[in-house]
Amino acid sequence: MSRVKLLLTAFEPFGGEEINPAWEAVKGLPGQIGRITIEKLLVPTVFGASLTLVSRKIEECCPQAVICVGQAGRRAGI
């Protein structure tokens, strides 16, 4: 069975908040779940910088999948 590499990203806190629940969820995951290796990346909330950072990380770790997790303020559901 082959290993799978997954890149999970989430933004740093923004809008005056002390935490970003999306990042808290991502960073709380283990680095390995079964055959899935999880790479985690905290993304800045600076226009343009986030895309550059994520692109570099993709080139660096060559994941099979990328999931970008985000916070949707004032929403009650996923």
C-alpha atoms as a PDB file:
ATOM      1  CA  MET A   1       0.000   0.000   0.000  1.00  0.00           C
ATOM      2  CA  SER A   2       1.497   3.348  -1.001  1.00  0.00           C
ATOM      3  CA  ARG A   3       1.707   6.402   1.192  1.00  0.00           C
ATOM      4  CA  VAL A   4      -0.272   9.543   0.433  1.00  0.00           C
ATOM      5  CA  LYS A   5       0.882  13.060   1.247  1.00  0.00           C
ATOM      6  CA  LEU A   6      -1.784  15.643   2.070  1.00  0.00           C
ATOM      7  CA  LEU A   7      -1.192  19.372   2.480  1.00  0.00           C
ATOM      8  CA  LEU A   8      -3.605  21.136   4.831  1.00  0.00           C
ATOM      9  CA  THR A   9      -3.577  24.915   4.997  1.00  0.00           C
ATOM     10  CA  ALA A  10      -5.402  27.444   7.138  1.00  0.00           C
ATOM     11  CA  PHE A  11      -5.105  31.163   7.690  1.00  0.00           C
ATOM     12  CA  GLU A  12      -3.572  32.857  10.690  1.00  0.00           C
ATOM     13  CA  PRO A  13      -5.942  34.819  12.956  1.00  0.00           C
ATOM     14  CA  PHE A  14      -7.337  37.950  11.332  1.00  0.00           C
ATOM     15  CA  GLY A  15      -9.861  40.688  11.918  1.00  0.00           C
ATOM     16  CA  GLY A  16      -8.613  41.321  15.441  1.00  0.00           C
ATOM     17  CA  GLU A  17      -9.220  37.731  16.559  1.00  0.00           C
ATOM     18  CA  GLU A  18      -6.697  35.955  18.787  1.00  0.00           C
ATOM     19  CA  ILE A  19      -7.182  32.563  17.145  1.00  0.00           C
ATOM     20  CA  ASN A  20      -8.474  31.182  13.872  1.00  0.00           C
ATOM     21  CA  PRO A  21     -10.584  28.062  14.485  1.00  0.00           C
ATOM     22  CA  ALA A  22      -9.591  26.682  11.082  1.00  0.00           C
ATOM     23  CA  TRP A  23      -5.898  26.743  12.009  1.00  0.00           C
ATOM     24  CA  GLU A  24      -6.636  25.333  15.466  1.00  0.00           C
ATOM     25  CA  ALA A  25      -8.347  22.352  13.799  1.00  0.00           C
ATOM     26  CA  VAL A  26      -5.503  21.820  11.310  1.00  0.00           C
ATOM     27  CA  LYS A  27      -2.661  22.104  13.816  1.00  0.00           C
ATOM     28  CA  GLY A  28      -4.444  19.717  16.178  1.00  0.00           C
ATOM     29  CA  LEU A  29      -4.247  16.860  13.693  1.00  0.00           C
ATOM     30  CA  PRO A  30      -1.438  14.327  13.936  1.00  0.00           C
ATOM     31  CA  GLY A  31       1.262  14.260  11.270  1.00  0.00           C
ATOM     32  CA  GLN A  32       0.265  10.751  10.222  1.00  0.00           C
ATOM     33  CA  ILE A  33      -3.125   9.067   9.923  1.00  0.00           C
ATOM     34  CA  GLY A  34      -2.815   5.548   8.598  1.00  0.00           C
ATOM     35  CA  ARG A  35      -0.986   5.774   5.286  1.00  0.00           C
ATOM     36  CA  ILE A  36      -1.618   9.533   4.985  1.00  0.00           C
ATOM     37  CA  THR A  37       1.218  11.907   5.878  1.00  0.00           C
ATOM     38  CA  ILE A  38      -0.137  15.337   6.744  1.00  0.00           C
ATOM     39  CA  GLU A  39       1.850  18.476   5.999  1.00  0.00           C
ATOM     40  CA  LYS A  40       0.434  21.608   7.658  1.00  0.00           C
ATOM     41  CA  LEU A  41       0.871  25.216   6.626  1.00  0.00           C
ATOM     42  CA  LEU A  42      -0.194  28.385   8.428  1.00  0.00           C
ATOM     43  CA  VAL A  43      -1.009  30.965   5.765  1.00  0.00           C
ATOM     44  CA  PRO A  44      -0.738  34.738   6.271  1.00  0.00           C
ATOM     45  CA  THR A  45      -3.742  36.935   5.612  1.00  0.00           C
ATOM     46  CA  VAL A  46      -1.731  39.200   3.341  1.00  0.00           C
ATOM     47  CA  PHE A  47      -3.059  39.577  -0.186  1.00  0.00           C
ATOM     48  CA  GLY A  48      -0.827  37.718  -2.630  1.00  0.00           C
ATOM     49  CA  ALA A  49       1.520  36.366   0.038  1.00  0.00           C
ATOM     50  CA  SER A  50      -0.764  33.440   0.840  1.00  0.00           C
ATOM     51  CA  LEU A  51      -0.845  32.162  -2.742  1.00  0.00           C
ATOM     52  CA  THR A  52       2.927  32.450  -3.049  1.00  0.00           C
ATOM     53  CA  LEU A  53       3.510  30.566   0.202  1.00  0.00           C
ATOM     54  CA  VAL A  54       1.048  27.773  -0.649  1.00  0.00           C
ATOM     55  CA  SER A  55       2.527  27.405  -4.150  1.00  0.00           C
ATOM     56  CA  ARG A  56       6.039  27.086  -2.715  1.00  0.00           C
ATOM     57  CA  LYS A  57       4.915  24.490  -0.192  1.00  0.00           C
ATOM     58  CA  ILE A  58       3.225  22.462  -2.940  1.00  0.00           C
ATOM     59  CA  GLU A  59       6.457  22.491  -4.954  1.00  0.00           C
ATOM     60  CA  GLU A  60       8.470  21.564  -1.848  1.00  0.00           C
ATOM     61  CA  CYS A  61       6.424  18.628  -0.559  1.00  0.00           C
ATOM     62  CA  CYS A  62       4.631  17.439  -3.750  1.00  0.00           C
ATOM     63  CA  PRO A  63       1.359  16.404  -2.097  1.00  0.00           C
ATOM     64  CA  GLN A  64      -1.225  14.223  -3.833  1.00  0.00           C
ATOM     65  CA  ALA A  65      -3.958  16.482  -2.433  1.00  0.00           C
ATOM     66  CA  VAL A  66      -4.305  19.970  -0.975  1.00  0.00           C
ATOM     67  CA  ILE A  67      -7.138  21.027   1.302  1.00  0.00           C
ATOM     68  CA  CYS A  68      -7.383  24.710   2.206  1.00  0.00           C
ATOM     69  CA  VAL A  69      -9.416  25.104   5.383  1.00  0.00           C
ATOM     70  CA  GLY A  70     -11.008  28.434   6.176  1.00  0.00           C
ATOM     71  CA  GLN A  71     -13.166  30.271   8.643  1.00  0.00           C
ATOM     72  CA  ALA A  72     -16.530  31.609   7.548  1.00  0.00           C
ATOM     73  CA  GLY A  73     -17.381  34.309  10.055  1.00  0.00           C
ATOM     74  CA  ARG A  74     -20.893  34.478  11.438  1.00  0.00           C
ATOM     75  CA  ARG A  75     -21.876  31.178   9.822  1.00  0.00           C
ATOM     76  CA  ALA A  76     -23.424  28.484  11.995  1.00  0.00           C
ATOM     77  CA  GLY A  77     -22.514  25.475   9.845  1.00  0.00           C
ATOM     78  CA  ILE A  78     -19.854  23.961   7.664  1.00  0.00           C
END
